[in-house]
Amino acid sequence: MTRALVTLITLLALAACDTVAGAGTDIQKAGAAITDQAKQTQSGM
């Protein structure tokens, strides 16, 4: 019982890490897009 519970918690933790990493990548891409747009706007002024 305890071994199964530890295994389940470990699997959930690994899945959560993967999800957080994916969200971090998405946020990073959004930040890069905003930066690029800001540079384009600034160069057009």
N, C-alpha and C. Protein backbone atom coordinates (compact mmCIF):
# COMPACT_ATOMS: atom_id res chain seq x y z
N MET A 1 0.83 -1.20 0.00
CA MET A 1 0.00 0.00 0.00
C MET A 1 0.87 1.27 0.00
N THR A 2 1.84 1.31 0.88
CA THR A 2 2.70 2.48 0.97
C THR A 2 3.52 2.65 -0.30
N ARG A 3 4.00 1.53 -0.83
CA ARG A 3 4.81 1.59 -2.06
C ARG A 3 3.97 2.13 -3.22
N ALA A 4 2.72 1.71 -3.30
CA ALA A 4 1.84 2.18 -4.37
C ALA A 4 1.57 3.67 -4.21
N LEU A 5 1.40 4.12 -2.99
CA LEU A 5 1.14 5.53 -2.73
C LEU A 5 2.36 6.38 -3.09
N VAL A 6 3.54 5.92 -2.74
CA VAL A 6 4.76 6.65 -3.07
C VAL A 6 4.94 6.71 -4.59
N THR A 7 4.66 5.60 -5.26
CA THR A 7 4.76 5.57 -6.72
C THR A 7 3.78 6.55 -7.35
N LEU A 8 2.56 6.57 -6.86
CA LEU A 8 1.54 7.48 -7.39
C LEU A 8 1.95 8.94 -7.18
N ILE A 9 2.43 9.26 -6.01
CA ILE A 9 2.85 10.64 -5.73
C ILE A 9 4.03 11.04 -6.61
N THR A 10 4.95 10.11 -6.81
CA THR A 10 6.10 10.39 -7.68
C THR A 10 5.66 10.66 -9.11
N LEU A 11 4.76 9.83 -9.62
CA LEU A 11 4.26 10.03 -10.98
C LEU A 11 3.53 11.36 -11.12
N LEU A 12 2.74 11.72 -10.13
CA LEU A 12 2.03 13.00 -10.18
C LEU A 12 3.01 14.17 -10.13
N ALA A 13 4.05 14.04 -9.33
CA ALA A 13 5.05 15.11 -9.24
C ALA A 13 5.78 15.28 -10.57
N LEU A 14 6.12 14.17 -11.21
CA LEU A 14 6.79 14.25 -12.52
C LEU A 14 5.88 14.88 -13.57
N ALA A 15 4.61 14.54 -13.54
CA ALA A 15 3.66 15.13 -14.50
C ALA A 15 3.52 16.62 -14.25
N ALA A 16 3.50 17.02 -12.99
CA ALA A 16 3.37 18.44 -12.65
C ALA A 16 4.60 19.21 -13.12
N CYS A 17 5.77 18.63 -12.98
CA CYS A 17 7.00 19.30 -13.43
C CYS A 17 6.97 19.51 -14.94
N ASP A 18 6.49 18.52 -15.66
CA ASP A 18 6.41 18.63 -17.11
C ASP A 18 5.42 19.73 -17.50
N THR A 19 4.31 19.81 -16.78
CA THR A 19 3.30 20.83 -17.07
C THR A 19 3.84 22.23 -16.78
N VAL A 20 4.52 22.39 -15.67
CA VAL A 20 5.09 23.69 -15.31
C VAL A 20 6.17 24.09 -16.31
N ALA A 21 6.96 23.14 -16.75
CA ALA A 21 8.00 23.44 -17.74
C ALA A 21 7.36 23.89 -19.05
N GLY A 22 6.29 23.25 -19.45
CA GLY A 22 5.58 23.64 -20.67
C GLY A 22 4.99 25.04 -20.55
N ALA A 23 4.44 25.34 -19.39
CA ALA A 23 3.88 26.68 -19.17
C ALA A 23 4.98 27.72 -19.20
N GLY A 24 6.13 27.40 -18.63
CA GLY A 24 7.26 28.33 -18.65
C GLY A 24 7.72 28.62 -20.06
N THR A 25 7.74 27.60 -20.90
CA THR A 25 8.13 27.79 -22.30
C THR A 25 7.13 28.67 -23.02
N ASP A 26 5.84 28.45 -22.77
CA ASP A 26 4.82 29.27 -23.41
C ASP A 26 4.94 30.73 -22.98
N ILE A 27 5.17 30.96 -21.71
CA ILE A 27 5.31 32.33 -21.20
C ILE A 27 6.55 32.98 -21.80
N GLN A 28 7.61 32.21 -21.94
CA GLN A 28 8.84 32.74 -22.53
C GLN A 28 8.62 33.15 -23.98
N LYS A 29 7.90 32.34 -24.73
CA LYS A 29 7.61 32.67 -26.13
C LYS A 29 6.73 33.92 -26.23
N ALA A 30 5.76 34.04 -25.32
CA ALA A 30 4.91 35.23 -25.32
C ALA A 30 5.73 36.48 -25.02
N GLY A 31 6.65 36.38 -24.08
CA GLY A 31 7.52 37.51 -23.75
C GLY A 31 8.39 37.90 -24.92
N ALA A 32 8.89 36.92 -25.65
CA ALA A 32 9.72 37.22 -26.82
C ALA A 32 8.90 37.91 -27.90
N ALA A 33 7.66 37.49 -28.08
CA ALA A 33 6.80 38.12 -29.08
C ALA A 33 6.50 39.57 -28.70
N ILE A 34 6.26 39.81 -27.43
CA ILE A 34 6.00 41.18 -26.97
C ILE A 34 7.24 42.05 -27.16
N THR A 35 8.40 41.50 -26.84
CA THR A 35 9.65 42.24 -27.02
C THR A 35 9.88 42.59 -28.48
N ASP A 36 9.67 41.62 -29.36
CA ASP A 36 9.84 41.87 -30.80
C ASP A 36 8.90 42.96 -31.29
N GLN A 37 7.65 42.91 -30.85
CA GLN A 37 6.67 43.91 -31.27
C GLN A 37 7.06 45.29 -30.75
N ALA A 38 7.54 45.34 -29.51
CA ALA A 38 7.96 46.62 -28.94
C ALA A 38 9.14 47.21 -29.72
N LYS A 39 10.08 46.36 -30.12
CA LYS A 39 11.22 46.84 -30.90
C LYS A 39 10.77 47.36 -32.27
N GLN A 40 9.82 46.67 -32.89
CA GLN A 40 9.31 47.12 -34.19
C GLN A 40 8.60 48.46 -34.05
N THR A 41 7.82 48.60 -33.00
CA THR A 41 7.10 49.85 -32.78
C THR A 41 8.08 50.99 -32.52
N GLN A 42 9.09 50.72 -31.71
CA GLN A 42 10.08 51.75 -31.39
C GLN A 42 10.87 52.17 -32.62
N SER A 43 11.23 51.23 -33.47
CA SER A 43 11.99 51.60 -34.66
C SER A 43 11.14 52.35 -35.68
N GLY A 44 9.83 52.22 -35.58
CA GLY A 44 8.94 52.92 -36.50
C GLY A 44 8.63 54.34 -36.06
N MET A 45 9.09 54.74 -34.90
CA MET A 45 8.79 56.08 -34.38
C MET A 45 9.79 57.08 -34.86
